[in-house]
Protein backbone atom coordinates (compact mmCIF):
# COMPACT_ATOMS: atom_id res chain seq x y z
CA MET A 1 15.96 -106.74 -103.28
CA LYS A 2 17.95 -104.35 -105.45
CA ILE A 3 16.77 -100.74 -105.27
CA LYS A 4 17.73 -97.20 -106.52
CA ALA A 5 17.17 -93.95 -104.67
CA LEU A 6 15.14 -91.40 -106.45
CA TRP A 7 15.57 -88.96 -103.66
CA GLY A 8 18.13 -88.25 -100.87
CA PHE A 9 16.77 -89.33 -97.52
CA VAL A 10 17.87 -90.60 -94.15
CA GLY A 11 17.29 -94.32 -93.91
CA ASN A 12 18.09 -97.29 -91.88
CA ALA A 13 21.56 -98.31 -92.84
CA ALA A 14 21.08 -101.98 -91.33
CA LEU A 15 18.08 -102.61 -93.64
CA LEU A 16 19.46 -101.12 -96.75
CA GLY A 17 21.99 -103.97 -96.96
CA GLU A 18 25.41 -105.20 -95.89
CA GLY A 19 28.18 -102.78 -96.27
CA VAL A 20 26.27 -99.53 -95.96
CA GLU A 21 27.90 -97.47 -93.43
CA SER A 22 25.70 -94.24 -93.45
CA ALA A 23 22.06 -93.86 -93.14
CA LYS A 24 22.22 -90.87 -95.47
CA VAL A 25 21.07 -91.74 -98.74
CA LYS A 26 21.99 -89.88 -101.86
CA ARG A 27 19.99 -89.72 -105.12
CA GLY A 28 21.02 -92.30 -107.62
CA GLN A 29 22.57 -94.71 -105.02
CA VAL A 30 21.97 -98.30 -105.48
CA PHE A 31 21.51 -100.78 -102.86
CA GLU A 32 22.16 -104.55 -103.91
CA ASP A 33 20.62 -106.32 -100.93
CA ALA A 34 17.90 -104.17 -99.16
CA ASP A 35 15.59 -105.76 -96.85
CA ASP A 36 12.35 -106.71 -98.93
CA GLU A 37 9.86 -105.29 -96.50
CA TYR A 38 11.95 -101.95 -95.90
CA ALA A 39 12.46 -101.65 -99.73
CA HIS A 40 8.71 -102.02 -100.31
CA THR A 41 8.07 -99.33 -97.75
CA LEU A 42 10.46 -97.02 -99.53
CA ILE A 43 9.01 -97.82 -102.92
CA GLY A 44 5.51 -96.94 -101.42
CA LYS A 45 6.83 -93.61 -100.33
CA LYS A 46 8.38 -92.99 -103.82
CA LEU A 47 11.82 -92.65 -102.41
CA VAL A 48 13.17 -95.69 -104.52
CA VAL A 49 12.38 -97.80 -107.36
CA GLU A 50 13.17 -101.46 -107.67
CA VAL A 51 15.79 -102.24 -110.15
CA GLY A 52 15.70 -105.41 -112.32
CA GLY A 53 18.47 -107.68 -113.34
CA ASP A 54 19.20 -105.49 -116.34
CA GLY A 55 20.00 -102.50 -114.23
CA LYS A 56 16.90 -100.61 -115.34
CA SER A 57 14.20 -99.37 -112.99
CA LYS A 58 10.98 -101.34 -112.99
CA ILE A 59 8.60 -98.38 -113.04
CA LEU A 60 5.04 -99.43 -113.90
CA LYS A 61 3.25 -96.74 -116.03
CA PRO A 62 -0.47 -96.18 -115.36
CA LYS A 63 -2.83 -97.22 -118.19
CA GLU A 64 -3.59 -94.53 -120.44
CA THR A 65 -7.24 -93.68 -120.55
CA LYS A 66 -9.29 -91.13 -122.28
CA PRO A 67 -12.35 -89.44 -120.72
CA ALA A 68 -15.77 -90.76 -121.89
CA THR A 69 -17.46 -88.68 -124.50
CA PRO A 70 -20.96 -87.65 -123.76
CA ALA A 71 -22.40 -90.27 -126.42
CA GLU A 72 -20.37 -92.92 -124.47
CA LYS A 73 -21.83 -91.85 -121.16
CA LYS A 74 -25.32 -91.80 -122.70
CA ALA A 75 -24.96 -95.35 -124.13
CA ALA A 76 -23.67 -96.72 -120.81
CA ALA A 77 -26.61 -94.98 -118.95
CA GLU A 78 -29.11 -96.58 -121.46
CA LYS A 79 -27.45 -99.95 -121.12
CA ALA A 80 -27.57 -99.84 -117.37
CA ALA A 81 -31.42 -98.71 -117.39
CA ALA A 82 -32.21 -101.47 -119.91
CA GLU A 83 -30.41 -104.07 -117.61
CA GLU A 84 -32.24 -102.72 -114.65
CA GLU A 85 -35.65 -102.95 -116.41
CA ALA A 86 -34.85 -106.59 -117.65
CA ASN A 87 -33.94 -107.37 -113.97
CA ARG A 88 -37.32 -105.95 -112.78
CA LEU A 89 -39.34 -107.74 -115.53
CA GLU A 90 -37.61 -111.10 -114.70
CA ALA A 91 -38.28 -110.42 -110.88
CA GLU A 92 -42.08 -109.85 -111.81
CA ARG A 93 -42.15 -113.04 -113.84
CA LEU A 94 -40.63 -115.17 -111.11
CA GLU A 95 -43.04 -113.71 -108.52
CA SER A 96 -46.06 -114.43 -110.79
CA GLU A 97 -44.72 -118.09 -111.31
CA ARG A 98 -44.47 -118.47 -107.53
CA LEU A 99 -47.98 -117.07 -106.96
CA GLU A 100 -49.48 -119.30 -109.74
CA ALA A 101 -47.78 -122.36 -108.28
CA GLU A 102 -49.17 -121.37 -104.58
CA ARG A 103 -52.73 -121.02 -106.12
CA LEU A 104 -52.42 -124.51 -107.96
CA GLU A 105 -51.22 -126.14 -104.74
CA ALA A 106 -54.09 -124.52 -102.72
CA GLU A 107 -56.58 -125.81 -105.37
CA GLN A 108 -55.10 -129.31 -105.22
CA LYS A 109 -55.25 -129.21 -101.40
CA ALA A 110 -58.87 -128.04 -101.43
CA LEU A 111 -59.75 -130.82 -103.95
CA ALA A 112 -57.92 -133.43 -101.86
CA GLU A 113 -59.89 -132.39 -98.74
CA THR A 114 -63.22 -132.56 -100.48
CA LYS A 115 -62.86 -136.13 -101.55
């Protein structure tokens, strides 16, 4: 993996690739064939960045977000409350259907026993 140092640090020369003599890494230094696992560890520590085939850093920018306005927060809360109410009503409807089915089954069983 091709990586470029963002900061100077002391690393593992053997894992930075062939031809690397010193474990001391200087800012801006590029390593053509660094070990993938070691490179990802250094990327996670923000010491290096991966360099693409065009020679530019592959820096991923976080998505830009804006804080929610009070109106948006209120709308989201109302939507959640409406969904919760709909779920509650559906549960009540299913329970009443289940109870009605049990009642009808009991009636049929009682009729069958009286015959």
